[in-house]
Amino acid sequence: MANGRRGEVALELGGRRYTLCLTLGALAELEDAFGVQDLTALAERFGSGRLSSRDLVAILAAALRGGGHAMTDADAAELPLHDGIAPVAQAIADLLIVTFGGKALPENPRSPQEA
C-alpha cells in the first residue's frame, strides 16, 4: 500500500497494484536520463508540463524501481494500459507533486465552458 507521507503513489495497471516512489537513486537516474545537472533543473524540466511518452516511461520505470519493483525501462514500457494513458499520467503528476511540492490537480477539472 502506498504511503503518501513517504512520497509514494499507487498505480493500478493490468489488474496489478504498483507503488511508485522517486527515491534519491531514482532522482539521480532521472537527472542522467534527462541530461540535467541538478534537482532544480529536473524540477524545471518536469514543471514545463510537456512530457513525451519516452519521458513518461523513464519516470515510470525509475519510480517503479524506487517503489521496490525490479523492472527495467523496457518492462515498464510493456505494462498494459487497459484504462488508457490517463491513470499513468495522473499517477506521475501526483508523484511529481509529492516529490517536488506544488498544488495537486483536481481529479476532474472543469473545462472553461463549464465554469
N, C-alpha and C. Protein backbone atom coordinates (compact mmCIF):
# COMPACT_ATOMS: atom_id res chain seq x y z
N MET A 1 0.83 -1.18 0.00
CA MET A 1 0.00 0.00 0.00
C MET A 1 0.88 1.25 0.00
N ALA A 2 0.54 2.21 -0.84
CA ALA A 2 1.33 3.43 -0.97
C ALA A 2 1.17 4.32 0.26
N ASN A 3 2.27 4.90 0.70
CA ASN A 3 2.29 5.79 1.85
C ASN A 3 2.65 7.19 1.36
N GLY A 4 1.66 8.08 1.26
CA GLY A 4 1.89 9.43 0.77
C GLY A 4 2.89 10.21 1.59
N ARG A 5 2.98 9.94 2.88
CA ARG A 5 3.95 10.65 3.74
C ARG A 5 5.39 10.30 3.37
N ARG A 6 5.57 9.15 2.75
CA ARG A 6 6.90 8.75 2.30
C ARG A 6 7.13 9.08 0.83
N GLY A 7 6.18 9.79 0.23
CA GLY A 7 6.32 10.17 -1.16
C GLY A 7 5.91 9.09 -2.14
N GLU A 8 5.07 8.17 -1.68
CA GLU A 8 4.64 7.07 -2.53
C GLU A 8 3.27 7.35 -3.14
N VAL A 9 3.06 6.83 -4.34
CA VAL A 9 1.80 6.95 -5.05
C VAL A 9 1.45 5.57 -5.59
N ALA A 10 0.17 5.22 -5.51
CA ALA A 10 -0.29 3.92 -6.02
C ALA A 10 -0.72 4.05 -7.48
N LEU A 11 -0.52 2.99 -8.23
CA LEU A 11 -0.95 2.93 -9.62
C LEU A 11 -1.37 1.50 -9.92
N GLU A 12 -2.55 1.35 -10.51
CA GLU A 12 -3.00 0.02 -10.90
C GLU A 12 -2.95 -0.09 -12.42
N LEU A 13 -2.26 -1.13 -12.88
CA LEU A 13 -2.15 -1.42 -14.31
C LEU A 13 -2.33 -2.91 -14.53
N GLY A 14 -3.19 -3.25 -15.45
CA GLY A 14 -3.39 -4.66 -15.79
C GLY A 14 -3.83 -5.50 -14.62
N GLY A 15 -4.62 -4.91 -13.70
CA GLY A 15 -5.11 -5.65 -12.55
C GLY A 15 -4.10 -5.81 -11.43
N ARG A 16 -2.94 -5.20 -11.56
CA ARG A 16 -1.91 -5.28 -10.52
C ARG A 16 -1.66 -3.89 -9.96
N ARG A 17 -1.51 -3.81 -8.65
CA ARG A 17 -1.26 -2.53 -7.98
C ARG A 17 0.24 -2.35 -7.77
N TYR A 18 0.73 -1.19 -8.15
CA TYR A 18 2.15 -0.86 -8.01
C TYR A 18 2.32 0.34 -7.09
N THR A 19 3.46 0.40 -6.44
CA THR A 19 3.83 1.56 -5.64
C THR A 19 4.92 2.31 -6.39
N LEU A 20 4.70 3.60 -6.60
CA LEU A 20 5.69 4.46 -7.26
C LEU A 20 6.34 5.35 -6.20
N CYS A 21 7.65 5.53 -6.30
CA CYS A 21 8.35 6.41 -5.37
C CYS A 21 9.63 6.93 -6.03
N LEU A 22 9.81 8.24 -5.96
CA LEU A 22 11.04 8.82 -6.50
C LEU A 22 12.05 8.97 -5.37
N THR A 23 12.81 7.89 -5.16
CA THR A 23 13.87 7.89 -4.16
C THR A 23 15.02 8.76 -4.67
N LEU A 24 16.01 8.98 -3.83
CA LEU A 24 17.18 9.74 -4.24
C LEU A 24 17.86 9.06 -5.42
N GLY A 25 17.94 7.73 -5.39
CA GLY A 25 18.52 6.98 -6.50
C GLY A 25 17.72 7.15 -7.78
N ALA A 26 16.39 7.12 -7.66
CA ALA A 26 15.53 7.31 -8.83
C ALA A 26 15.70 8.72 -9.40
N LEU A 27 15.82 9.70 -8.52
CA LEU A 27 16.03 11.08 -9.00
C LEU A 27 17.37 11.23 -9.70
N ALA A 28 18.41 10.57 -9.18
CA ALA A 28 19.71 10.60 -9.84
C ALA A 28 19.63 9.95 -11.22
N GLU A 29 18.88 8.86 -11.30
CA GLU A 29 18.65 8.19 -12.58
C GLU A 29 17.99 9.15 -13.58
N LEU A 30 16.98 9.88 -13.10
CA LEU A 30 16.26 10.80 -13.97
C LEU A 30 17.11 11.99 -14.38
N GLU A 31 17.97 12.48 -13.48
CA GLU A 31 18.90 13.55 -13.86
C GLU A 31 19.74 13.10 -15.04
N ASP A 32 20.22 11.87 -14.97
CA ASP A 32 21.03 11.31 -16.04
C ASP A 32 20.21 11.13 -17.32
N ALA A 33 19.01 10.56 -17.18
CA ALA A 33 18.16 10.29 -18.34
C ALA A 33 17.76 11.57 -19.07
N PHE A 34 17.54 12.65 -18.32
CA PHE A 34 17.10 13.91 -18.93
C PHE A 34 18.26 14.87 -19.19
N GLY A 35 19.48 14.45 -18.85
CA GLY A 35 20.66 15.26 -19.14
C GLY A 35 20.69 16.59 -18.41
N VAL A 36 20.24 16.59 -17.14
CA VAL A 36 20.26 17.82 -16.35
C VAL A 36 21.29 17.68 -15.24
N GLN A 37 21.73 18.82 -14.71
CA GLN A 37 22.81 18.82 -13.74
C GLN A 37 22.37 18.67 -12.28
N ASP A 38 21.12 19.05 -11.97
CA ASP A 38 20.71 19.02 -10.57
C ASP A 38 19.19 18.90 -10.45
N LEU A 39 18.74 18.82 -9.20
CA LEU A 39 17.32 18.65 -8.93
C LEU A 39 16.50 19.86 -9.37
N THR A 40 17.06 21.04 -9.26
CA THR A 40 16.34 22.25 -9.68
C THR A 40 16.05 22.17 -11.17
N ALA A 41 17.04 21.79 -11.96
CA ALA A 41 16.85 21.67 -13.41
C ALA A 41 15.87 20.55 -13.73
N LEU A 42 15.90 19.48 -12.95
CA LEU A 42 14.96 18.38 -13.16
C LEU A 42 13.53 18.85 -12.87
N ALA A 43 13.35 19.57 -11.76
CA ALA A 43 12.02 20.09 -11.41
C ALA A 43 11.52 21.06 -12.47
N GLU A 44 12.42 21.90 -12.99
CA GLU A 44 12.03 22.83 -14.05
C GLU A 44 11.62 22.08 -15.31
N ARG A 45 12.33 21.03 -15.62
CA ARG A 45 12.02 20.20 -16.79
C ARG A 45 10.62 19.61 -16.66
N PHE A 46 10.32 19.07 -15.49
CA PHE A 46 9.00 18.48 -15.26
C PHE A 46 7.93 19.55 -15.16
N GLY A 47 8.28 20.70 -14.63
CA GLY A 47 7.33 21.79 -14.45
C GLY A 47 6.85 22.41 -15.75
N SER A 48 7.53 22.09 -16.85
CA SER A 48 7.12 22.64 -18.14
C SER A 48 5.75 22.12 -18.56
N GLY A 49 5.35 20.99 -17.98
CA GLY A 49 4.06 20.41 -18.32
C GLY A 49 4.05 19.66 -19.63
N ARG A 50 5.19 19.58 -20.29
CA ARG A 50 5.28 18.88 -21.57
C ARG A 50 6.16 17.66 -21.41
N LEU A 51 5.53 16.49 -21.38
CA LEU A 51 6.26 15.24 -21.25
C LEU A 51 5.89 14.33 -22.41
N SER A 52 6.91 13.75 -23.01
CA SER A 52 6.68 12.80 -24.11
C SER A 52 6.40 11.42 -23.53
N SER A 53 6.00 10.50 -24.38
CA SER A 53 5.79 9.13 -23.92
C SER A 53 7.11 8.53 -23.44
N ARG A 54 8.22 8.89 -24.07
CA ARG A 54 9.54 8.42 -23.60
C ARG A 54 9.82 8.95 -22.21
N ASP A 55 9.45 10.22 -21.96
CA ASP A 55 9.63 10.81 -20.63
C ASP A 55 8.81 10.03 -19.60
N LEU A 56 7.55 9.74 -19.94
CA LEU A 56 6.69 9.00 -19.01
C LEU A 56 7.25 7.63 -18.69
N VAL A 57 7.79 6.94 -19.70
CA VAL A 57 8.39 5.62 -19.47
C VAL A 57 9.59 5.74 -18.53
N ALA A 58 10.45 6.73 -18.76
CA ALA A 58 11.63 6.91 -17.90
C ALA A 58 11.23 7.20 -16.47
N ILE A 59 10.25 8.09 -16.28
CA ILE A 59 9.80 8.43 -14.93
C ILE A 59 9.12 7.23 -14.29
N LEU A 60 8.23 6.58 -15.03
CA LEU A 60 7.51 5.42 -14.50
C LEU A 60 8.48 4.32 -14.08
N ALA A 61 9.44 4.01 -14.94
CA ALA A 61 10.39 2.93 -14.63
C ALA A 61 11.23 3.27 -13.39
N ALA A 62 11.74 4.49 -13.31
CA ALA A 62 12.53 4.90 -12.15
C ALA A 62 11.67 4.87 -10.89
N ALA A 63 10.42 5.32 -11.00
CA ALA A 63 9.51 5.35 -9.84
C ALA A 63 9.11 3.94 -9.42
N LEU A 64 8.94 3.04 -10.37
CA LEU A 64 8.66 1.65 -10.02
C LEU A 64 9.82 1.03 -9.27
N ARG A 65 11.04 1.26 -9.77
CA ARG A 65 12.22 0.74 -9.07
C ARG A 65 12.33 1.36 -7.68
N GLY A 66 12.06 2.67 -7.59
CA GLY A 66 12.08 3.34 -6.28
C GLY A 66 11.01 2.81 -5.34
N GLY A 67 9.93 2.30 -5.91
CA GLY A 67 8.85 1.72 -5.11
C GLY A 67 9.06 0.25 -4.78
N GLY A 68 10.20 -0.30 -5.19
CA GLY A 68 10.54 -1.67 -4.83
C GLY A 68 10.25 -2.72 -5.88
N HIS A 69 9.91 -2.31 -7.09
CA HIS A 69 9.63 -3.26 -8.17
C HIS A 69 10.86 -3.41 -9.06
N ALA A 70 11.36 -4.61 -9.20
CA ALA A 70 12.53 -4.87 -10.04
C ALA A 70 12.08 -4.87 -11.50
N MET A 71 12.20 -3.72 -12.15
CA MET A 71 11.68 -3.57 -13.50
C MET A 71 12.64 -2.73 -14.34
N THR A 72 12.85 -3.14 -15.56
CA THR A 72 13.65 -2.34 -16.49
C THR A 72 12.75 -1.30 -17.15
N ASP A 73 13.36 -0.36 -17.86
CA ASP A 73 12.57 0.60 -18.63
C ASP A 73 11.71 -0.13 -19.65
N ALA A 74 12.27 -1.17 -20.28
CA ALA A 74 11.52 -1.94 -21.27
C ALA A 74 10.33 -2.65 -20.63
N ASP A 75 10.51 -3.18 -19.42
CA ASP A 75 9.40 -3.80 -18.69
C ASP A 75 8.29 -2.79 -18.44
N ALA A 76 8.68 -1.60 -18.00
CA ALA A 76 7.69 -0.55 -17.70
C ALA A 76 6.95 -0.14 -18.97
N ALA A 77 7.66 -0.08 -20.07
CA ALA A 77 7.05 0.32 -21.34
C ALA A 77 6.02 -0.70 -21.81
N GLU A 78 6.15 -1.94 -21.38
CA GLU A 78 5.24 -3.00 -21.81
C GLU A 78 4.04 -3.20 -20.89
N LEU A 79 3.94 -2.43 -19.81
CA LEU A 79 2.80 -2.58 -18.91
C LEU A 79 1.51 -2.23 -19.66
N PRO A 80 0.45 -2.99 -19.41
CA PRO A 80 -0.81 -2.77 -20.14
C PRO A 80 -1.49 -1.46 -19.73
N LEU A 81 -2.09 -0.80 -20.71
CA LEU A 81 -2.82 0.45 -20.48
C LEU A 81 -4.29 0.23 -20.79
N HIS A 82 -4.92 -0.71 -20.09
CA HIS A 82 -6.32 -1.03 -20.33
C HIS A 82 -7.24 0.17 -20.14
N ASP A 83 -6.86 1.07 -19.24
CA ASP A 83 -7.67 2.27 -18.98
C ASP A 83 -7.09 3.51 -19.66
N GLY A 84 -6.21 3.30 -20.63
CA GLY A 84 -5.60 4.42 -21.34
C GLY A 84 -4.41 4.99 -20.58
N ILE A 85 -3.89 6.09 -21.08
CA ILE A 85 -2.70 6.72 -20.51
C ILE A 85 -3.04 7.61 -19.31
N ALA A 86 -4.30 8.02 -19.19
CA ALA A 86 -4.69 8.98 -18.15
C ALA A 86 -4.30 8.54 -16.73
N PRO A 87 -4.55 7.29 -16.30
CA PRO A 87 -4.16 6.91 -14.94
C PRO A 87 -2.65 6.97 -14.71
N VAL A 88 -1.87 6.65 -15.73
CA VAL A 88 -0.41 6.72 -15.61
C VAL A 88 0.02 8.17 -15.49
N ALA A 89 -0.50 9.02 -16.37
CA ALA A 89 -0.16 10.45 -16.34
C ALA A 89 -0.56 11.08 -15.02
N GLN A 90 -1.73 10.72 -14.48
CA GLN A 90 -2.18 11.28 -13.20
C GLN A 90 -1.30 10.81 -12.06
N ALA A 91 -0.94 9.51 -12.06
CA ALA A 91 -0.07 8.99 -11.01
C ALA A 91 1.30 9.67 -11.04
N ILE A 92 1.83 9.88 -12.24
CA ILE A 92 3.13 10.55 -12.35
C ILE A 92 3.01 12.01 -11.92
N ALA A 93 1.92 12.68 -12.30
CA ALA A 93 1.71 14.07 -11.85
C ALA A 93 1.64 14.12 -10.33
N ASP A 94 0.88 13.20 -9.72
CA ASP A 94 0.79 13.15 -8.26
C ASP A 94 2.15 12.88 -7.63
N LEU A 95 2.92 11.99 -8.25
CA LEU A 95 4.25 11.65 -7.75
C LEU A 95 5.18 12.86 -7.79
N LEU A 96 5.13 13.61 -8.89
CA LEU A 96 5.98 14.80 -9.00
C LEU A 96 5.57 15.85 -7.97
N ILE A 97 4.28 15.95 -7.69
CA ILE A 97 3.81 16.91 -6.69
C ILE A 97 4.30 16.51 -5.30
N VAL A 98 4.17 15.23 -4.93
CA VAL A 98 4.63 14.84 -3.59
C VAL A 98 6.15 14.89 -3.48
N THR A 99 6.84 14.77 -4.59
CA THR A 99 8.30 14.81 -4.56
C THR A 99 8.84 16.24 -4.55
N PHE A 100 8.31 17.08 -5.44
CA PHE A 100 8.84 18.42 -5.61
C PHE A 100 7.96 19.51 -4.99
N GLY A 101 6.77 19.16 -4.54
CA GLY A 101 5.85 20.15 -3.98
C GLY A 101 4.99 20.74 -5.06
N GLY A 102 4.09 21.59 -4.67
CA GLY A 102 3.17 22.22 -5.61
C GLY A 102 1.75 21.86 -5.26
N LYS A 103 0.86 22.28 -6.10
CA LYS A 103 -0.56 22.04 -5.87
C LYS A 103 -1.03 20.84 -6.67
N ALA A 104 -1.87 20.04 -6.04
CA ALA A 104 -2.46 18.89 -6.72
C ALA A 104 -3.50 19.38 -7.72
N LEU A 105 -3.61 18.67 -8.82
CA LEU A 105 -4.62 18.99 -9.81
C LEU A 105 -5.92 18.32 -9.41
N PRO A 106 -7.05 18.97 -9.66
CA PRO A 106 -8.32 18.30 -9.37
C PRO A 106 -8.45 17.06 -10.24
N GLU A 107 -9.13 16.04 -9.72
CA GLU A 107 -9.26 14.80 -10.49
C GLU A 107 -10.10 14.98 -11.73
N ASN A 108 -11.12 15.81 -11.68
CA ASN A 108 -11.99 16.05 -12.83
C ASN A 108 -12.10 17.55 -13.07
N PRO A 109 -11.04 18.16 -13.61
CA PRO A 109 -11.10 19.60 -13.82
C PRO A 109 -12.22 19.96 -14.79
N ARG A 110 -12.89 21.06 -14.49
CA ARG A 110 -13.95 21.52 -15.36
C ARG A 110 -13.37 22.31 -16.52
N SER A 111 -13.96 22.16 -17.68
CA SER A 111 -13.49 22.93 -18.83
C SER A 111 -13.95 24.37 -18.67
N PRO A 112 -13.31 25.31 -19.37
CA PRO A 112 -13.71 26.72 -19.27
C PRO A 112 -15.20 26.94 -19.64
N GLN A 113 -15.74 26.09 -20.52
CA GLN A 113 -17.14 26.24 -20.90
C GLN A 113 -18.08 25.89 -19.75
N GLU A 114 -17.63 25.00 -18.84
CA GLU A 114 -18.47 24.57 -17.73
C GLU A 114 -18.41 25.53 -16.56
N ALA A 115 -17.39 26.37 -16.51
CA ALA A 115 -17.18 27.25 -15.36
C ALA A 115 -18.22 28.34 -15.30
